C-alpha atoms as a PDB file:
ATOM      1  CA  GLN A   1      98.780 182.119  16.306  1.00  0.00           C
ATOM      2  CA  HIS A   2     103.042 181.566  15.065  1.00  0.00           C
ATOM      3  CA  MET A   3     101.580 179.230  11.623  1.00  0.00           C
ATOM      4  CA  GLU A   4      99.840 182.550  10.892  1.00  0.00           C
ATOM      5  CA  LEU A   5     102.799 184.744  10.897  1.00  0.00           C
ATOM      6  CA  GLN A   6     105.069 182.886   9.126  1.00  0.00           C
ATOM      7  CA  TYR A   7     104.856 182.366   5.449  1.00  0.00           C
ATOM      8  CA  PHE A   8     107.348 179.890   4.593  1.00  0.00           C
ATOM      9  CA  GLN A   9     105.784 177.054   7.065  1.00  0.00           C
ATOM     10  CA  PHE A  10     108.537 174.882   4.998  1.00  0.00           C
ATOM     11  CA  HIS A  11     111.027 177.136   7.275  1.00  0.00           C
ATOM     12  CA  GLU A  12     109.337 176.344  10.759  1.00  0.00           C
ATOM     13  CA  ALA A  13     111.395 173.017  11.722  1.00  0.00           C
ATOM     14  CA  HIS A  14     108.788 172.039  14.655  1.00  0.00           C
ATOM     15  CA  GLU A  15     106.340 171.307  11.862  1.00  0.00           C
ATOM     16  CA  TRP A  16     108.402 168.893  10.330  1.00  0.00           C
ATOM     17  CA  PHE A  17     108.362 166.494  13.631  1.00  0.00           C
ATOM     18  CA  HIS A  18     104.438 165.352  11.956  1.00  0.00           C
ATOM     19  CA  TYR A  19     105.700 163.348   9.207  1.00  0.00           C
ATOM     20  CA  ASP A  20     107.654 160.475   8.271  1.00  0.00           C
ATOM     21  CA  TRP A  21     110.396 162.267   5.732  1.00  0.00           C
ATOM     22  CA  SER A  22     111.089 165.104   7.796  1.00  0.00           C
ATOM     23  CA  SER A  23     111.484 163.909  11.352  1.00  0.00           C
ATOM     24  CA  ARG A  24     114.504 161.774  10.138  1.00  0.00           C
ATOM     25  CA  LEU A  25     115.984 165.357   8.767  1.00  0.00           C
ATOM     26  CA  ILE A  26     115.474 167.018  12.369  1.00  0.00           C
ATOM     27  CA  THR A  27     115.856 163.835  14.590  1.00  0.00           C
ATOM     28  CA  GLU A  28     119.071 163.537  12.434  1.00  0.00           C
ATOM     29  CA  VAL A  29     120.005 166.821  11.620  1.00  0.00           C
ATOM     30  CA  VAL A  30     119.987 166.650   7.860  1.00  0.00           C
ATOM     31  CA  PRO A  31     120.895 169.654   5.857  1.00  0.00           C
ATOM     32  CA  THR A  32     118.716 170.151   2.828  1.00  0.00           C
ATOM     33  CA  GLU A  33     119.718 172.365   0.389  1.00  0.00           C
ATOM     34  CA  VAL A  34     117.285 174.823  -1.236  1.00  0.00           C
ATOM     35  CA  PRO A  35     116.925 177.888  -3.217  1.00  0.00           C
ATOM     36  CA  LEU A  36     115.721 179.876  -0.940  1.00  0.00           C
ATOM     37  CA  LEU A  37     116.412 180.978   2.930  1.00  0.00           C
ATOM     38  CA  GLU A  38     114.909 183.682   4.088  1.00  0.00           C
ATOM     39  CA  MET A  39     116.700 186.128   6.446  1.00  0.00           C
ATOM     40  CA  TYR A  40     115.500 184.924   9.573  1.00  0.00           C
ATOM     41  CA  PHE A  41     118.175 183.084  10.626  1.00  0.00           C
ATOM     42  CA  THR A  42     121.244 182.767   7.993  1.00  0.00           C
ATOM     43  CA  LEU A  43     124.780 182.122   7.994  1.00  0.00           C
ATOM     44  CA  PHE A  44     127.087 183.313   5.693  1.00  0.00           C
ATOM     45  CA  ASP A  45     130.913 182.359   4.158  1.00  0.00           C
ATOM     46  CA  ALA A  46     132.285 185.946   5.235  1.00  0.00           C
ATOM     47  CA  GLU A  47     133.948 185.861   1.661  1.00  0.00           C
ATOM     48  CA  PHE A  48     130.918 184.947  -0.106  1.00  0.00           C
ATOM     49  CA  ALA A  49     129.058 187.904   2.492  1.00  0.00           C
ATOM     50  CA  ARG A  50     131.728 190.500   1.276  1.00  0.00           C
ATOM     51  CA  TYR A  51     130.661 189.375  -2.500  1.00  0.00           C
ATOM     52  CA  PHE A  52     127.342 189.785  -1.530  1.00  0.00           C
ATOM     53  CA  PHE A  53     126.391 192.090   0.022  1.00  0.00           C
ATOM     54  CA  ARG A  54     129.031 194.354  -1.985  1.00  0.00           C
ATOM     55  CA  GLN A  55     126.684 194.085  -4.836  1.00  0.00           C
ATOM     56  CA  VAL A  56     123.246 194.120  -3.577  1.00  0.00           C
ATOM     57  CA  LEU A  57     124.351 197.324  -1.241  1.00  0.00           C
ATOM     58  CA  SER A  58     125.276 199.145  -3.985  1.00  0.00           C
ATOM     59  CA  MET A  59     121.984 199.703  -5.129  1.00  0.00           C
ATOM     60  CA  PRO A  60     121.353 203.024  -3.919  1.00  0.00           C
ATOM     61  CA  GLU A  61     117.216 202.625  -4.066  1.00  0.00           C
ATOM     62  CA  PHE A  62     117.967 199.625  -1.600  1.00  0.00           C
ATOM     63  CA  ILE A  63     119.985 201.214   0.558  1.00  0.00           C
ATOM     64  CA  ALA A  64     117.551 204.459   0.878  1.00  0.00           C
ATOM     65  CA  GLY A  65     114.066 201.863   1.384  1.00  0.00           C
ATOM     66  CA  SER A  66     112.999 201.518   4.588  1.00  0.00           C
ATOM     67  CA  ASN A  67     112.211 197.639   4.196  1.00  0.00           C
ATOM     68  CA  SER A  68     114.622 194.459   3.680  1.00  0.00           C
ATOM     69  CA  TRP A  69     112.629 192.562   1.158  1.00  0.00           C
ATOM     70  CA  GLY A  70     114.793 190.928  -2.001  1.00  0.00           C
ATOM     71  CA  PRO A  71     117.758 189.692  -0.695  1.00  0.00           C
ATOM     72  CA  ASP A  72     116.616 186.291   0.424  1.00  0.00           C
ATOM     73  CA  TYR A  73     115.461 186.006  -3.054  1.00  0.00           C
ATOM     74  CA  LEU A  74     119.101 186.709  -4.063  1.00  0.00           C
ATOM     75  CA  TRP A  75     121.782 184.675  -2.333  1.00  0.00           C
ATOM     76  CA  CYS A  76     121.359 180.926  -2.827  1.00  0.00           C
ATOM     77  CA  GLN A  77     122.056 181.252  -6.506  1.00  0.00           C
ATOM     78  CA  ALA A  78     124.194 183.674  -5.871  1.00  0.00           C
ATOM     79  CA  ALA A  79     126.018 181.405  -3.775  1.00  0.00           C
ATOM     80  CA  ARG A  80     126.164 178.940  -6.185  1.00  0.00           C
ATOM     81  CA  GLU A  81     128.088 180.808  -8.583  1.00  0.00           C
ATOM     82  CA  TRP A  82     130.259 181.937  -7.021  1.00  0.00           C
ATOM     83  CA  ASP A  83     131.676 178.563  -5.613  1.00  0.00           C
ATOM     84  CA  ASP A  84     133.728 178.788  -8.644  1.00  0.00           C
ATOM     85  CA  ASP A  85     134.606 174.734  -7.599  1.00  0.00           C
ATOM     86  CA  GLY A  86     131.293 173.935  -8.333  1.00  0.00           C
ATOM     87  CA  ASP A  87     131.096 171.645  -4.940  1.00  0.00           C
ATOM     88  CA  ARG A  88     129.234 173.544  -2.437  1.00  0.00           C
ATOM     89  CA  PRO A  89     125.427 174.268  -1.982  1.00  0.00           C
ATOM     90  CA  GLY A  90     124.405 177.613  -2.994  1.00  0.00           C
ATOM     91  CA  CYS A  91     122.780 177.056   0.408  1.00  0.00           C
ATOM     92  CA  TYR A  92     121.283 174.474   3.013  1.00  0.00           C
ATOM     93  CA  LEU A  93     118.437 174.200   5.370  1.00  0.00           C
ATOM     94  CA  VAL A  94     119.087 172.816   8.963  1.00  0.00           C
ATOM     95  CA  PRO A  95     116.347 171.962  10.714  1.00  0.00           C
ATOM     96  CA  LEU A  96     116.517 173.372  13.776  1.00  0.00           C
ATOM     97  CA  VAL A  97     113.907 174.241  16.294  1.00  0.00           C
ATOM     98  CA  SER A  98     114.484 177.744  17.698  1.00  0.00           C
ATOM     99  CA  SER A  99     112.464 180.252  19.394  1.00  0.00           C
ATOM    100  CA  HIS A 100     111.531 183.283  17.698  1.00  0.00           C
ATOM    101  CA  GLU A 101     109.768 185.933  20.183  1.00  0.00           C
ATOM    102  CA  ASN A 102     107.784 188.025  17.745  1.00  0.00           C
ATOM    103  CA  SER A 103     107.423 191.171  19.396  1.00  0.00           C
ATOM    104  CA  GLN A 104     105.334 192.196  16.455  1.00  0.00           C
ATOM    105  CA  GLN A 105     107.084 195.841  16.355  1.00  0.00           C
ATOM    106  CA  ILE A 106     107.206 196.177  12.779  1.00  0.00           C
ATOM    107  CA  GLU A 107     104.833 197.996  11.138  1.00  0.00           C
ATOM    108  CA  LYS A 108     103.446 195.317   8.243  1.00  0.00           C
ATOM    109  CA  GLY A 109     100.536 197.645   6.767  1.00  0.00           C
ATOM    110  CA  ASP A 110      99.726 197.912   2.518  1.00  0.00           C
ATOM    111  CA  ALA A 111     103.073 200.553   2.845  1.00  0.00           C
ATOM    112  CA  PHE A 112     105.458 198.412   4.273  1.00  0.00           C
ATOM    113  CA  VAL A 113     104.437 195.646   1.420  1.00  0.00           C
ATOM    114  CA  ALA A 114     104.040 198.121  -1.544  1.00  0.00           C
ATOM    115  CA  LYS A 115     107.737 199.286  -0.516  1.00  0.00           C
ATOM    116  CA  GLY A 116     108.985 195.624   0.307  1.00  0.00           C
ATOM    117  CA  HIS A 117     107.496 194.459  -3.698  1.00  0.00           C
ATOM    118  CA  GLU A 118     108.770 197.902  -5.129  1.00  0.00           C
ATOM    119  CA  ASN A 119     112.566 196.478  -3.711  1.00  0.00           C
ATOM    120  CA  ILE A 120     112.046 192.984  -5.260  1.00  0.00           C
ATOM    121  CA  ASP A 121     110.878 194.508  -8.887  1.00  0.00           C
ATOM    122  CA  ARG A 122     114.170 196.483  -8.306  1.00  0.00           C
ATOM    123  CA  PHE A 123     115.967 193.161  -7.547  1.00  0.00           C
ATOM    124  CA  LYS A 124     113.855 191.404 -10.650  1.00  0.00           C
ATOM    125  CA  ASN A 125     114.721 193.927 -13.356  1.00  0.00           C
ATOM    126  CA  HIS A 126     118.340 193.861 -12.286  1.00  0.00           C
ATOM    127  CA  PRO A 127     120.208 191.913 -15.427  1.00  0.00           C
ATOM    128  CA  LYS A 128     122.651 190.155 -12.686  1.00  0.00           C
ATOM    129  CA  PHE A 129     119.944 189.834  -9.601  1.00  0.00           C
ATOM    130  CA  GLY A 130     117.057 188.486 -11.258  1.00  0.00           C
ATOM    131  CA  LYS A 131     118.689 185.778 -12.601  1.00  0.00           C
ATOM    132  CA  TRP A 132     119.926 184.887  -9.375  1.00  0.00           C
ATOM    133  CA  MET A 133     116.051 184.931  -8.267  1.00  0.00           C
ATOM    134  CA  LYS A 134     114.588 182.684 -10.223  1.00  0.00           C
ATOM    135  CA  PRO A 135     115.012 178.900  -8.467  1.00  0.00           C
ATOM    136  CA  ALA A 136     113.607 181.428  -5.337  1.00  0.00           C
ATOM    137  CA  PHE A 137     110.836 182.076  -7.164  1.00  0.00           C
ATOM    138  CA  ALA A 138     110.110 178.846  -8.510  1.00  0.00           C
ATOM    139  CA  TRP A 139     110.570 177.333  -4.923  1.00  0.00           C
ATOM    140  CA  ASN A 140     108.370 180.110  -3.462  1.00  0.00           C
ATOM    141  CA  ARG A 141     105.965 178.814  -5.814  1.00  0.00           C
ATOM    142  CA  ILE A 142     105.922 175.297  -4.003  1.00  0.00           C
ATOM    143  CA  VAL A 143     106.637 175.995  -0.727  1.00  0.00           C
ATOM    144  CA  GLY A 144     105.434 179.528   0.119  1.00  0.00           C
ATOM    145  CA  GLY A 145     102.158 179.576   2.247  1.00  0.00           C
ATOM    146  CA  LYS A 146     101.951 176.118   2.016  1.00  0.00           C
ATOM    147  CA  ASN A 147     102.262 173.173   4.436  1.00  0.00           C
ATOM    148  CA  LEU A 148     104.496 170.233   4.515  1.00  0.00           C
ATOM    149  CA  LEU A 149     102.132 168.103   3.866  1.00  0.00           C
ATOM    150  CA  GLN A 150     101.174 170.339   0.722  1.00  0.00           C
ATOM    151  CA  ILE A 151     104.717 170.490  -0.024  1.00  0.00           C
ATOM    152  CA  GLU A 152     105.068 166.972  -0.288  1.00  0.00           C
ATOM    153  CA  ARG A 153     101.803 166.143  -2.236  1.00  0.00           C
ATOM    154  CA  TYR A 154     103.263 168.578  -4.714  1.00  0.00           C
ATOM    155  CA  CYS A 155     106.721 167.344  -5.184  1.00  0.00           C
ATOM    156  CA  ARG A 156     105.597 163.345  -5.050  1.00  0.00           C
ATOM    157  CA  GLY A 157     103.631 164.570  -8.219  1.00  0.00           C
ATOM    158  CA  LYS A 158     106.640 166.282  -9.922  1.00  0.00           C
ATOM    159  CA  LEU A 159     108.845 163.504  -8.575  1.00  0.00           C
ATOM    160  CA  LYS A 160     106.674 161.133 -10.186  1.00  0.00           C
ATOM    161  CA  LEU A 161     106.588 159.435  -7.421  1.00  0.00           C
ATOM    162  CA  LYS A 162     103.848 156.547  -6.307  1.00  0.00           C
ATOM    163  CA  LYS A 163     102.276 156.274  -2.714  1.00  0.00           C
ATOM    164  CA  GLU A 164     104.657 153.702  -1.420  1.00  0.00           C
ATOM    165  CA  ASP A 165     107.878 155.911  -3.018  1.00  0.00           C
ATOM    166  CA  SER A 166     110.289 157.077   0.048  1.00  0.00           C
ATOM    167  CA  PHE A 167     109.821 160.796  -0.534  1.00  0.00           C
ATOM    168  CA  ASP A 168     113.309 163.636  -0.509  1.00  0.00           C
ATOM    169  CA  VAL A 169     112.320 166.733  -0.035  1.00  0.00           C
ATOM    170  CA  GLN A 170     116.202 167.732  -1.653  1.00  0.00           C
ATOM    171  CA  SER A 171     115.416 166.085  -4.580  1.00  0.00           C
ATOM    172  CA  CYS A 172     112.090 168.584  -5.443  1.00  0.00           C
ATOM    173  CA  SER A 173     114.143 171.321  -4.553  1.00  0.00           C
ATOM    174  CA  MET A 174     116.661 170.655  -7.172  1.00  0.00           C
ATOM    175  CA  LEU A 175     113.765 170.386  -9.812  1.00  0.00           C
ATOM    176  CA  VAL A 176     114.211 174.585  -9.547  1.00  0.00           C
ATOM    177  CA  ILE A 177     118.102 174.277  -8.168  1.00  0.00           C
ATOM    178  CA  LYS A 178     119.535 173.129 -11.706  1.00  0.00           C
END
């Protein structure tokens, strides 16, 4: 039942134990640069958070909205641009297993989903935010709603890897980041 609730199964670290390429990442706690991290558990550089949220929270429509969809599609690319030296990743997915006690308190009916899509469309139509969202949307098409085996198969094809070649998911994520 838990997996049915999680759209980004790629973010479910307990699933990483089932595949050779991902089990090493989780047992050695190897961070992977990705263009999209949902807001379940995100840590920010404080200076970047100040910069980022001042911009996002300047949109009155977002502040007045009834859900928080959208910023997680922005912050990875925003962080990459914010880092003047360019030596830090925008976002790292750190494979840690945590317990998310989903009490299902958020009503997620049609109206909730429609408002969420309105938020995302507002961000997408903003000149700067729309640009920031592009890598996240590309990554969403690769990992959204898919299990790790599906992600690996897709990425192997994009990377032109043979079955015997080792697989590195970060190489796949870098196809959409850069």
